[in-house]
Amino acid sequence: MLFKAGNYHLDLIDESTYTPGSADNVRSYAREYDLTDAAYRPSSRNGLILREDGVVRQSCILLAGGGASGVHEHSIAIVNKTCFLAVGNTLCSLVLPSFEFRWHRQVDHAS
């Protein structure tokens, strides 16, 4: 799913087969954010790629629990230079364009 934020284009990708640390993943990401409790495996895996003028500038994958959730038009909200992203049962905040991680909150027990 493609989103636009100023001069940036954000690709949000459902990476349901992504395995953290594996060399066999279809795509690799510059940053990996695991939002799950250490006792659980992620059930939702969303990749985020930022492009400027067609060139990849940053990428990350967000891993969350609480049940699998898909990627849809309401998965992202962009306010100024902040990207709010829903993944699994979690809402998180990233700085654009660096994808610096600000915070995350579990907003539901299950997605």
C-alpha atoms as a PDB file:
ATOM      1  CA  MET A   1       0.000   0.000   0.000  1.00  0.00           C
ATOM      2  CA  LEU A   2       1.401   3.399  -0.982  1.00  0.00           C
ATOM      3  CA  PHE A   3       1.148   6.565   1.141  1.00  0.00           C
ATOM      4  CA  LYS A   4       2.431  10.071   0.438  1.00  0.00           C
ATOM      5  CA  ALA A   5       3.999  12.471   2.965  1.00  0.00           C
ATOM      6  CA  GLY A   6       5.314  15.660   1.391  1.00  0.00           C
ATOM      7  CA  ASN A   7       8.135  14.664  -0.975  1.00  0.00           C
ATOM      8  CA  TYR A   8       8.218  11.133   0.436  1.00  0.00           C
ATOM      9  CA  HIS A   9       6.436   8.011  -0.693  1.00  0.00           C
ATOM     10  CA  LEU A  10       5.880   5.327   1.932  1.00  0.00           C
ATOM     11  CA  ASP A  11       5.327   1.708   0.955  1.00  0.00           C
ATOM     12  CA  LEU A  12       3.643  -0.336   3.687  1.00  0.00           C
ATOM     13  CA  ILE A  13       4.036  -4.063   3.098  1.00  0.00           C
ATOM     14  CA  ASP A  14       2.442  -7.017   4.866  1.00  0.00           C
ATOM     15  CA  GLU A  15       5.479  -9.223   5.567  1.00  0.00           C
ATOM     16  CA  SER A  16       3.609 -12.205   7.015  1.00  0.00           C
ATOM     17  CA  THR A  17       6.458 -14.606   6.142  1.00  0.00           C
ATOM     18  CA  TYR A  18       9.270 -12.408   7.550  1.00  0.00           C
ATOM     19  CA  THR A  19      11.446 -14.147  10.145  1.00  0.00           C
ATOM     20  CA  PRO A  20      13.629 -11.931  12.351  1.00  0.00           C
ATOM     21  CA  GLY A  21      17.337 -12.531  11.746  1.00  0.00           C
ATOM     22  CA  SER A  22      16.820 -14.849   8.760  1.00  0.00           C
ATOM     23  CA  ALA A  23      18.835 -14.520   5.552  1.00  0.00           C
ATOM     24  CA  ASP A  24      15.922 -16.125   3.682  1.00  0.00           C
ATOM     25  CA  ASN A  25      13.557 -13.132   3.940  1.00  0.00           C
ATOM     26  CA  VAL A  26      12.280 -11.695   0.644  1.00  0.00           C
ATOM     27  CA  ARG A  27      13.367  -8.180   1.714  1.00  0.00           C
ATOM     28  CA  SER A  28      15.848  -6.866   4.248  1.00  0.00           C
ATOM     29  CA  TYR A  29      15.279  -3.747   6.338  1.00  0.00           C
ATOM     30  CA  ALA A  30      17.709  -1.206   7.778  1.00  0.00           C
ATOM     31  CA  ARG A  31      15.895  -1.229  11.121  1.00  0.00           C
ATOM     32  CA  GLU A  32      13.934  -3.897  12.945  1.00  0.00           C
ATOM     33  CA  TYR A  33      11.542  -2.966  15.767  1.00  0.00           C
ATOM     34  CA  ASP A  34      10.206  -5.874  17.795  1.00  0.00           C
ATOM     35  CA  LEU A  35       7.236  -4.622  19.834  1.00  0.00           C
ATOM     36  CA  THR A  36       6.325  -8.019  21.296  1.00  0.00           C
ATOM     37  CA  ASP A  37       6.840  -9.248  24.803  1.00  0.00           C
ATOM     38  CA  ALA A  38       9.956 -11.453  24.873  1.00  0.00           C
ATOM     39  CA  ALA A  39       7.781 -14.480  25.717  1.00  0.00           C
ATOM     40  CA  TYR A  40       5.779 -14.224  22.473  1.00  0.00           C
ATOM     41  CA  ARG A  41       6.444 -14.430  18.750  1.00  0.00           C
ATOM     42  CA  PRO A  42       5.180 -11.650  16.483  1.00  0.00           C
ATOM     43  CA  SER A  43       1.893 -12.318  14.702  1.00  0.00           C
ATOM     44  CA  SER A  44       1.933  -9.104  12.618  1.00  0.00           C
ATOM     45  CA  ARG A  45       4.920  -8.028  10.534  1.00  0.00           C
ATOM     46  CA  ASN A  46       4.728  -4.762   8.595  1.00  0.00           C
ATOM     47  CA  GLY A  47       7.564  -3.461   6.445  1.00  0.00           C
ATOM     48  CA  LEU A  48       7.864   0.276   5.794  1.00  0.00           C
ATOM     49  CA  ILE A  49       9.989   1.720   2.988  1.00  0.00           C
ATOM     50  CA  LEU A  50      10.525   5.458   2.458  1.00  0.00           C
ATOM     51  CA  ARG A  51      11.402   6.686  -1.032  1.00  0.00           C
ATOM     52  CA  GLU A  52      12.358  10.162  -2.146  1.00  0.00           C
ATOM     53  CA  ASP A  53      12.584  10.841  -5.892  1.00  0.00           C
ATOM     54  CA  GLY A  54      12.290   7.082  -6.455  1.00  0.00           C
ATOM     55  CA  VAL A  55      15.320   6.292  -4.270  1.00  0.00           C
ATOM     56  CA  VAL A  56      14.994   4.238  -1.060  1.00  0.00           C
ATOM     57  CA  ARG A  57      16.095   6.500   1.810  1.00  0.00           C
ATOM     58  CA  GLN A  58      15.061   4.414   4.820  1.00  0.00           C
ATOM     59  CA  SER A  59      13.357   1.151   5.718  1.00  0.00           C
ATOM     60  CA  CYS A  60      12.175  -0.672   8.807  1.00  0.00           C
ATOM     61  CA  ILE A  61      10.070  -3.620   9.830  1.00  0.00           C
ATOM     62  CA  LEU A  62       7.735  -3.542  12.808  1.00  0.00           C
ATOM     63  CA  LEU A  63       6.869  -6.787  14.580  1.00  0.00           C
ATOM     64  CA  ALA A  64       3.875  -6.915  16.930  1.00  0.00           C
ATOM     65  CA  GLY A  65       1.659  -9.424  18.698  1.00  0.00           C
ATOM     66  CA  GLY A  66      -1.954  -9.624  19.753  1.00  0.00           C
ATOM     67  CA  GLY A  67      -3.154 -11.390  16.630  1.00  0.00           C
ATOM     68  CA  ALA A  68      -2.419 -10.895  12.967  1.00  0.00           C
ATOM     69  CA  SER A  69      -3.518  -7.663  11.325  1.00  0.00           C
ATOM     70  CA  GLY A  70      -3.342  -6.746   7.675  1.00  0.00           C
ATOM     71  CA  VAL A  71      -2.198  -3.628   5.891  1.00  0.00           C
ATOM     72  CA  HIS A  72      -4.942  -1.214   4.824  1.00  0.00           C
ATOM     73  CA  GLU A  73      -5.576   2.456   4.071  1.00  0.00           C
ATOM     74  CA  HIS A  74      -6.063   3.276   7.772  1.00  0.00           C
ATOM     75  CA  SER A  75      -2.823   1.615   8.946  1.00  0.00           C
ATOM     76  CA  ILE A  76      -0.892   4.915   8.788  1.00  0.00           C
ATOM     77  CA  ALA A  77      -1.599   8.501   9.787  1.00  0.00           C
ATOM     78  CA  ILE A  78       0.972  11.174   9.008  1.00  0.00           C
ATOM     79  CA  VAL A  79       1.036  14.426  10.972  1.00  0.00           C
ATOM     80  CA  ASN A  80       3.836  16.865  10.132  1.00  0.00           C
ATOM     81  CA  LYS A  81       7.028  14.787  10.391  1.00  0.00           C
ATOM     82  CA  THR A  82       5.500  11.997  12.462  1.00  0.00           C
ATOM     83  CA  CYS A  83       4.220   8.678  11.143  1.00  0.00           C
ATOM     84  CA  PHE A  84       1.709   6.888  13.370  1.00  0.00           C
ATOM     85  CA  LEU A  85       1.447   3.228  12.442  1.00  0.00           C
ATOM     86  CA  ALA A  86      -0.929   0.514  13.621  1.00  0.00           C
ATOM     87  CA  VAL A  87       0.533  -2.987  13.588  1.00  0.00           C
ATOM     88  CA  GLY A  88      -1.091  -5.912  15.399  1.00  0.00           C
ATOM     89  CA  ASN A  89      -2.466  -4.661  18.707  1.00  0.00           C
ATOM     90  CA  THR A  90       0.042  -1.791  18.875  1.00  0.00           C
ATOM     91  CA  LEU A  91       0.194   1.838  17.814  1.00  0.00           C
ATOM     92  CA  CYS A  92       3.653   3.329  17.321  1.00  0.00           C
ATOM     93  CA  SER A  93       5.238   6.629  16.367  1.00  0.00           C
ATOM     94  CA  LEU A  94       8.181   7.113  13.987  1.00  0.00           C
ATOM     95  CA  VAL A  95       9.998  10.302  12.943  1.00  0.00           C
ATOM     96  CA  LEU A  96      10.075  11.025   9.206  1.00  0.00           C
ATOM     97  CA  PRO A  97      12.301  10.586   7.245  1.00  0.00           C
ATOM     98  CA  SER A  98      14.723   8.789   9.592  1.00  0.00           C
ATOM     99  CA  PHE A  99      12.242   6.235  11.016  1.00  0.00           C
ATOM    100  CA  GLU A 100      13.665   7.018  14.446  1.00  0.00           C
ATOM    101  CA  PHE A 101      11.425   5.194  16.893  1.00  0.00           C
ATOM    102  CA  ARG A 102       9.599   7.460  19.355  1.00  0.00           C
ATOM    103  CA  TRP A 103       7.147   5.267  21.261  1.00  0.00           C
ATOM    104  CA  HIS A 104       4.664   2.421  21.103  1.00  0.00           C
ATOM    105  CA  ARG A 105       1.548   1.542  23.057  1.00  0.00           C
ATOM    106  CA  GLN A 106      -0.530  -1.590  23.164  1.00  0.00           C
ATOM    107  CA  VAL A 107      -3.981  -0.220  22.330  1.00  0.00           C
ATOM    108  CA  ASP A 108      -5.940  -3.478  22.446  1.00  0.00           C
ATOM    109  CA  HIS A 109      -5.492  -6.971  23.902  1.00  0.00           C
ATOM    110  CA  ALA A 110      -6.061  -8.433  20.451  1.00  0.00           C
ATOM    111  CA  SER A 111      -6.014  -6.817  17.070  1.00  0.00           C
END
